[in-house]
Structures are given as structure tokens and as C-alpha cells.
Amino acid sequence: MGRRYILLCFLGVMAGLTFSAIAQERTNSATSSNAATPAPTRVAGATPAAKPASPSSAATAEDAAAVERALRVEGEKRFRTNCGRCHMAPHKFPPRVMATAIRHMRVRAMITDEDMRLILHYMTR
């Protein structure tokens, strides 16, 4: 009786999270399609002429992209190691929903805090 109750509760929570994610996605898509394109903002003292990107800013952007890729790859490895035993990679959910699910599974699967952070990064991007 206890196992059935736990399973039923877990399924109820997951169904609630799924419906919440769907509702949030519909709300986000409805507001984004109705929203007007925002006007560009100006910084006080900035000149209207566009400055060419400096080599250092391009290198910084490349470094940031490389770090992003490395975090995503490491998150995928951790997902396959910790979660892939029981789960296939699900569709992308909003970060808030995925964070709730990962926190729940962290306790059940004994995932470290770093693993949880990397898996969350992988699952939300």
C-alpha cells in the first residue's frame, strides 16, 4: 500500500509540473508574439555612431562561448552518468520546473551539488 501511495504522489507531482510547464510556455509564447519590439536604449554620453568590435571583445565572446560549451558537455556527461540509468533526456522545460525536478531527484539519486548544477545547466540550455 505504501509503495502505491508514493508512486501515485510522484505521478501527481510530475503531472502538475508538466501542466505547469505547458501553461507557462503558452503564456510566454502568447506574450512574446503580442509584444512590440523594444526600442533600443541609449547610454548617457554614448555617441550614436557604432564602434567596431575590438579584438579583445571578440576574444572574450569566444572564451565565453567555449566555457558555455564546456559546461553543457560536462552537464550532459553527468546527466548520462547519474540520470541516464533510468531516464532518457526529456524535452526542454523552463528552468524553474527543471530545477524542481532535479532537486527532487538529487535526494533520491544522491547527486552532488555540483552535478545538480551542471545537469540543470545542460537541461535548460
N, C-alpha and C. Protein backbone atom coordinates (compact mmCIF):
# COMPACT_ATOMS: atom_id res chain seq x y z
N MET A 1 0.83 -1.19 0.00
CA MET A 1 0.00 0.00 0.00
C MET A 1 0.87 1.25 0.00
N GLY A 2 1.98 1.21 0.75
CA GLY A 2 2.85 2.38 0.85
C GLY A 2 3.51 2.72 -0.47
N ARG A 3 3.96 1.71 -1.21
CA ARG A 3 4.60 1.95 -2.50
C ARG A 3 3.63 2.55 -3.50
N ARG A 4 2.41 2.05 -3.49
CA ARG A 4 1.40 2.59 -4.41
C ARG A 4 1.12 4.05 -4.10
N TYR A 5 1.03 4.38 -2.82
CA TYR A 5 0.77 5.76 -2.42
C TYR A 5 1.91 6.67 -2.87
N ILE A 6 3.13 6.24 -2.67
CA ILE A 6 4.29 7.04 -3.06
C ILE A 6 4.32 7.21 -4.57
N LEU A 7 4.07 6.13 -5.30
CA LEU A 7 4.05 6.21 -6.76
C LEU A 7 2.95 7.16 -7.23
N LEU A 8 1.78 7.06 -6.63
CA LEU A 8 0.67 7.93 -7.00
C LEU A 8 1.01 9.39 -6.72
N CYS A 9 1.62 9.66 -5.58
CA CYS A 9 2.02 11.03 -5.25
C CYS A 9 3.06 11.55 -6.24
N PHE A 10 4.04 10.72 -6.57
CA PHE A 10 5.09 11.12 -7.51
C PHE A 10 4.49 11.42 -8.88
N LEU A 11 3.59 10.56 -9.34
CA LEU A 11 2.95 10.80 -10.63
C LEU A 11 2.13 12.07 -10.61
N GLY A 12 1.46 12.34 -9.51
CA GLY A 12 0.69 13.58 -9.39
C GLY A 12 1.58 14.80 -9.45
N VAL A 13 2.72 14.75 -8.77
CA VAL A 13 3.65 15.89 -8.78
C VAL A 13 4.19 16.09 -10.19
N MET A 14 4.58 15.02 -10.85
CA MET A 14 5.12 15.15 -12.20
C MET A 14 4.07 15.65 -13.18
N ALA A 15 2.83 15.21 -13.03
CA ALA A 15 1.76 15.71 -13.90
C ALA A 15 1.54 17.19 -13.65
N GLY A 16 1.56 17.60 -12.39
CA GLY A 16 1.41 19.01 -12.07
C GLY A 16 2.53 19.84 -12.66
N LEU A 17 3.76 19.35 -12.56
CA LEU A 17 4.89 20.07 -13.14
C LEU A 17 4.76 20.17 -14.65
N THR A 18 4.30 19.11 -15.27
CA THR A 18 4.15 19.11 -16.73
C THR A 18 3.08 20.10 -17.16
N PHE A 19 1.93 20.07 -16.49
CA PHE A 19 0.87 21.01 -16.84
C PHE A 19 1.30 22.44 -16.57
N SER A 20 2.03 22.64 -15.49
CA SER A 20 2.53 23.99 -15.18
C SER A 20 3.49 24.47 -16.26
N ALA A 21 4.37 23.59 -16.72
CA ALA A 21 5.32 23.96 -17.77
C ALA A 21 4.60 24.29 -19.07
N ILE A 22 3.58 23.50 -19.39
CA ILE A 22 2.82 23.76 -20.62
C ILE A 22 2.10 25.09 -20.52
N ALA A 23 1.48 25.37 -19.38
CA ALA A 23 0.77 26.64 -19.21
C ALA A 23 1.73 27.81 -19.27
N GLN A 24 2.90 27.67 -18.64
CA GLN A 24 3.89 28.74 -18.67
C GLN A 24 4.40 28.96 -20.09
N GLU A 25 4.62 27.89 -20.82
CA GLU A 25 5.09 28.01 -22.21
C GLU A 25 4.05 28.71 -23.07
N ARG A 26 2.78 28.38 -22.88
CA ARG A 26 1.72 29.05 -23.63
C ARG A 26 1.66 30.53 -23.29
N THR A 27 1.80 30.85 -22.00
CA THR A 27 1.78 32.24 -21.57
C THR A 27 2.96 33.00 -22.16
N ASN A 28 4.14 32.39 -22.11
CA ASN A 28 5.34 33.03 -22.66
C ASN A 28 5.21 33.25 -24.16
N SER A 29 4.70 32.27 -24.89
CA SER A 29 4.58 32.42 -26.33
C SER A 29 3.51 33.44 -26.70
N ALA A 30 2.45 33.52 -25.91
CA ALA A 30 1.40 34.50 -26.18
C ALA A 30 1.90 35.92 -25.93
N THR A 31 2.65 36.12 -24.85
CA THR A 31 3.15 37.47 -24.56
C THR A 31 4.25 37.86 -25.52
N SER A 32 5.08 36.91 -25.96
CA SER A 32 6.16 37.27 -26.87
C SER A 32 5.63 37.59 -28.26
N SER A 33 4.54 36.94 -28.69
CA SER A 33 4.00 37.24 -30.00
C SER A 33 3.23 38.55 -30.01
N ASN A 34 2.68 38.95 -28.85
CA ASN A 34 1.92 40.20 -28.77
C ASN A 34 2.80 41.40 -28.44
N ALA A 35 3.99 41.16 -27.93
CA ALA A 35 4.84 42.27 -27.50
C ALA A 35 5.47 42.95 -28.71
N ALA A 36 5.56 44.27 -28.61
CA ALA A 36 6.22 45.03 -29.67
C ALA A 36 7.72 44.95 -29.47
N THR A 37 8.44 45.19 -30.52
CA THR A 37 9.89 45.18 -30.43
C THR A 37 10.33 46.37 -29.58
N PRO A 38 11.14 46.12 -28.55
CA PRO A 38 11.54 47.22 -27.69
C PRO A 38 12.47 48.18 -28.42
N ALA A 39 12.35 49.44 -28.05
CA ALA A 39 13.20 50.46 -28.64
C ALA A 39 14.61 50.31 -28.11
N PRO A 40 15.63 50.57 -28.91
CA PRO A 40 17.00 50.46 -28.42
C PRO A 40 17.24 51.51 -27.34
N THR A 41 17.97 51.12 -26.33
CA THR A 41 18.27 52.05 -25.25
C THR A 41 19.60 52.71 -25.51
N ARG A 42 19.73 53.93 -25.02
CA ARG A 42 20.98 54.66 -25.17
C ARG A 42 21.59 54.88 -23.82
N VAL A 43 22.89 54.78 -23.77
CA VAL A 43 23.63 55.03 -22.56
C VAL A 43 24.01 56.50 -22.55
N ALA A 44 23.90 57.12 -21.38
CA ALA A 44 24.23 58.53 -21.29
C ALA A 44 25.67 58.76 -21.69
N GLY A 45 25.90 59.70 -22.57
CA GLY A 45 27.24 60.04 -23.01
C GLY A 45 27.73 59.19 -24.17
N ALA A 46 26.95 58.25 -24.63
CA ALA A 46 27.36 57.40 -25.74
C ALA A 46 27.08 58.11 -27.05
N THR A 47 27.95 57.89 -28.02
CA THR A 47 27.74 58.50 -29.33
C THR A 47 26.87 57.59 -30.17
N PRO A 48 26.06 58.14 -31.06
CA PRO A 48 25.18 57.30 -31.85
C PRO A 48 25.92 56.44 -32.87
N ALA A 49 27.13 56.80 -33.27
CA ALA A 49 27.86 56.01 -34.26
C ALA A 49 28.31 54.70 -33.63
N ALA A 50 28.18 53.61 -34.36
CA ALA A 50 28.57 52.31 -33.85
C ALA A 50 30.08 52.16 -33.96
N LYS A 51 30.67 51.64 -32.90
CA LYS A 51 32.11 51.40 -32.90
C LYS A 51 32.36 49.97 -33.33
N PRO A 52 33.42 49.73 -34.11
CA PRO A 52 33.72 48.35 -34.48
C PRO A 52 34.17 47.58 -33.25
N ALA A 53 33.87 46.30 -33.24
CA ALA A 53 34.25 45.46 -32.10
C ALA A 53 35.76 45.33 -32.05
N SER A 54 36.30 45.47 -30.87
CA SER A 54 37.73 45.33 -30.72
C SER A 54 38.09 43.85 -30.66
N PRO A 55 39.33 43.51 -30.99
CA PRO A 55 39.74 42.11 -30.96
C PRO A 55 39.59 41.50 -29.57
N SER A 56 39.80 42.30 -28.52
CA SER A 56 39.70 41.75 -27.17
C SER A 56 38.27 41.38 -26.83
N SER A 57 37.28 42.16 -27.32
CA SER A 57 35.89 41.82 -27.03
C SER A 57 35.48 40.58 -27.82
N ALA A 58 36.01 40.40 -29.02
CA ALA A 58 35.71 39.20 -29.79
C ALA A 58 36.32 37.97 -29.11
N ALA A 59 37.53 38.12 -28.58
CA ALA A 59 38.17 37.01 -27.88
C ALA A 59 37.40 36.67 -26.61
N THR A 60 36.90 37.69 -25.92
CA THR A 60 36.12 37.46 -24.71
C THR A 60 34.83 36.72 -25.04
N ALA A 61 34.18 37.08 -26.14
CA ALA A 61 32.95 36.41 -26.55
C ALA A 61 33.23 34.96 -26.92
N GLU A 62 34.36 34.72 -27.58
CA GLU A 62 34.73 33.35 -27.94
C GLU A 62 35.03 32.53 -26.69
N ASP A 63 35.72 33.15 -25.72
CA ASP A 63 36.01 32.46 -24.48
C ASP A 63 34.72 32.10 -23.74
N ALA A 64 33.78 33.04 -23.72
CA ALA A 64 32.51 32.79 -23.05
C ALA A 64 31.75 31.67 -23.74
N ALA A 65 31.78 31.65 -25.06
CA ALA A 65 31.11 30.58 -25.81
C ALA A 65 31.79 29.24 -25.55
N ALA A 66 33.11 29.24 -25.45
CA ALA A 66 33.84 27.99 -25.17
C ALA A 66 33.51 27.47 -23.77
N VAL A 67 33.42 28.37 -22.80
CA VAL A 67 33.05 27.97 -21.44
C VAL A 67 31.63 27.42 -21.42
N GLU A 68 30.73 28.08 -22.14
CA GLU A 68 29.34 27.62 -22.23
C GLU A 68 29.26 26.21 -22.81
N ARG A 69 30.00 25.98 -23.88
CA ARG A 69 30.03 24.64 -24.50
C ARG A 69 30.60 23.60 -23.53
N ALA A 70 31.67 23.97 -22.83
CA ALA A 70 32.30 23.03 -21.90
C ALA A 70 31.34 22.68 -20.75
N LEU A 71 30.62 23.67 -20.23
CA LEU A 71 29.65 23.40 -19.17
C LEU A 71 28.52 22.50 -19.66
N ARG A 72 28.08 22.74 -20.88
CA ARG A 72 26.99 21.94 -21.44
C ARG A 72 27.45 20.49 -21.65
N VAL A 73 28.65 20.31 -22.16
CA VAL A 73 29.18 18.96 -22.39
C VAL A 73 29.35 18.23 -21.06
N GLU A 74 29.89 18.92 -20.08
CA GLU A 74 30.08 18.31 -18.77
C GLU A 74 28.74 17.97 -18.13
N GLY A 75 27.75 18.85 -18.29
CA GLY A 75 26.41 18.58 -17.78
C GLY A 75 25.78 17.37 -18.45
N GLU A 76 26.02 17.23 -19.77
CA GLU A 76 25.49 16.07 -20.48
C GLU A 76 26.14 14.78 -19.98
N LYS A 77 27.45 14.84 -19.73
CA LYS A 77 28.15 13.66 -19.18
C LYS A 77 27.56 13.27 -17.83
N ARG A 78 27.36 14.28 -16.98
CA ARG A 78 26.83 13.99 -15.65
C ARG A 78 25.39 13.48 -15.73
N PHE A 79 24.60 14.01 -16.68
CA PHE A 79 23.24 13.51 -16.86
C PHE A 79 23.28 12.04 -17.25
N ARG A 80 24.12 11.71 -18.22
CA ARG A 80 24.19 10.31 -18.68
C ARG A 80 24.68 9.38 -17.57
N THR A 81 25.60 9.86 -16.75
CA THR A 81 26.13 9.04 -15.66
C THR A 81 25.11 8.85 -14.54
N ASN A 82 24.48 9.95 -14.11
CA ASN A 82 23.60 9.89 -12.95
C ASN A 82 22.14 9.61 -13.29
N CYS A 83 21.66 10.18 -14.36
CA CYS A 83 20.23 10.12 -14.68
C CYS A 83 19.92 9.14 -15.79
N GLY A 84 20.89 8.93 -16.68
CA GLY A 84 20.67 8.11 -17.86
C GLY A 84 20.41 6.65 -17.57
N ARG A 85 20.70 6.21 -16.35
CA ARG A 85 20.41 4.83 -15.99
C ARG A 85 18.91 4.55 -16.02
N CYS A 86 18.12 5.56 -15.65
CA CYS A 86 16.67 5.38 -15.55
C CYS A 86 15.89 6.25 -16.54
N HIS A 87 16.47 7.38 -16.95
CA HIS A 87 15.73 8.35 -17.75
C HIS A 87 16.40 8.60 -19.09
N MET A 88 15.56 8.83 -20.09
CA MET A 88 16.05 9.37 -21.35
C MET A 88 16.05 10.88 -21.20
N ALA A 89 16.84 11.57 -22.00
CA ALA A 89 16.85 13.03 -21.90
C ALA A 89 15.48 13.56 -22.28
N PRO A 90 14.82 14.28 -21.36
CA PRO A 90 13.48 14.80 -21.66
C PRO A 90 13.56 16.03 -22.54
N HIS A 91 12.40 16.45 -23.00
CA HIS A 91 12.33 17.69 -23.75
C HIS A 91 12.71 18.84 -22.83
N LYS A 92 13.04 19.96 -23.40
CA LYS A 92 13.44 21.10 -22.60
C LYS A 92 12.24 21.67 -21.86
N PHE A 93 12.42 21.92 -20.59
CA PHE A 93 11.41 22.55 -19.75
C PHE A 93 11.95 23.89 -19.29
N PRO A 94 11.08 24.76 -18.80
CA PRO A 94 11.57 26.02 -18.23
C PRO A 94 12.50 25.73 -17.05
N PRO A 95 13.48 26.59 -16.83
CA PRO A 95 14.47 26.34 -15.76
C PRO A 95 13.84 26.11 -14.39
N ARG A 96 12.76 26.81 -14.10
CA ARG A 96 12.12 26.68 -12.79
C ARG A 96 11.55 25.27 -12.58
N VAL A 97 10.91 24.73 -13.58
CA VAL A 97 10.33 23.39 -13.49
C VAL A 97 11.45 22.35 -13.41
N MET A 98 12.47 22.53 -14.23
CA MET A 98 13.57 21.58 -14.24
C MET A 98 14.33 21.61 -12.91
N ALA A 99 14.48 22.79 -12.33
CA ALA A 99 15.17 22.89 -11.05
C ALA A 99 14.42 22.13 -9.96
N THR A 100 13.10 22.21 -9.98
CA THR A 100 12.30 21.47 -9.00
C THR A 100 12.47 19.98 -9.18
N ALA A 101 12.42 19.51 -10.40
CA ALA A 101 12.57 18.08 -10.66
C ALA A 101 13.97 17.59 -10.28
N ILE A 102 14.99 18.39 -10.58
CA ILE A 102 16.36 17.97 -10.26
C ILE A 102 16.58 17.96 -8.75
N ARG A 103 16.02 18.94 -8.04
CA ARG A 103 16.16 18.93 -6.57
C ARG A 103 15.52 17.67 -5.99
N HIS A 104 14.38 17.30 -6.53
CA HIS A 104 13.71 16.09 -6.05
C HIS A 104 14.58 14.85 -6.33
N MET A 105 15.11 14.77 -7.52
CA MET A 105 15.92 13.61 -7.88
C MET A 105 17.29 13.64 -7.20
N ARG A 106 17.75 14.81 -6.81
CA ARG A 106 19.04 14.89 -6.12
C ARG A 106 19.00 14.08 -4.84
N VAL A 107 17.89 14.18 -4.13
CA VAL A 107 17.74 13.44 -2.88
C VAL A 107 17.63 11.95 -3.16
N ARG A 108 16.85 11.58 -4.16
CA ARG A 108 16.63 10.16 -4.44
C ARG A 108 17.87 9.48 -5.03
N ALA A 109 18.59 10.18 -5.90
CA ALA A 109 19.73 9.57 -6.59
C ALA A 109 21.07 9.93 -5.95
N MET A 110 21.03 10.70 -4.87
CA MET A 110 22.24 11.14 -4.16
C MET A 110 23.23 11.84 -5.09
N ILE A 111 22.73 12.83 -5.82
CA ILE A 111 23.54 13.62 -6.74
C ILE A 111 24.21 14.74 -5.96
N THR A 112 25.46 15.01 -6.24
CA THR A 112 26.16 16.10 -5.56
C THR A 112 25.63 17.45 -6.03
N ASP A 113 25.95 18.48 -5.27
CA ASP A 113 25.51 19.83 -5.62
C ASP A 113 26.08 20.28 -6.96
N GLU A 114 27.35 19.96 -7.19
CA GLU A 114 27.98 20.34 -8.47
C GLU A 114 27.34 19.60 -9.64
N ASP A 115 27.07 18.31 -9.45
CA ASP A 115 26.39 17.54 -10.51
C ASP A 115 25.02 18.15 -10.80
N MET A 116 24.29 18.50 -9.74
CA MET A 116 22.97 19.08 -9.91
C MET A 116 23.05 20.38 -10.71
N ARG A 117 24.02 21.21 -10.38
CA ARG A 117 24.18 22.49 -11.08
C ARG A 117 24.51 22.29 -12.55
N LEU A 118 25.42 21.36 -12.85
CA LEU A 118 25.80 21.10 -14.24
C LEU A 118 24.66 20.46 -15.03
N ILE A 119 23.94 19.54 -14.41
CA ILE A 119 22.81 18.90 -15.09
C ILE A 119 21.73 19.94 -15.37
N LEU A 120 21.47 20.81 -14.40
CA LEU A 120 20.48 21.87 -14.61
C LEU A 120 20.90 22.78 -15.76
N HIS A 121 22.18 23.10 -15.83
CA HIS A 121 22.70 23.94 -16.93
C HIS A 121 22.47 23.24 -18.27
N TYR A 122 22.76 21.95 -18.31
CA TYR A 122 22.58 21.17 -19.55
C TYR A 122 21.10 21.09 -19.93
N MET A 123 20.22 20.85 -18.97
CA MET A 123 18.82 20.62 -19.26
C MET A 123 18.06 21.88 -19.63
N THR A 124 18.57 23.04 -19.28
CA THR A 124 17.83 24.28 -19.54
C THR A 124 18.41 25.08 -20.70
N ARG A 125 19.45 24.59 -21.35
CA ARG A 125 20.02 25.34 -22.47
C ARG A 125 20.07 24.51 -23.71
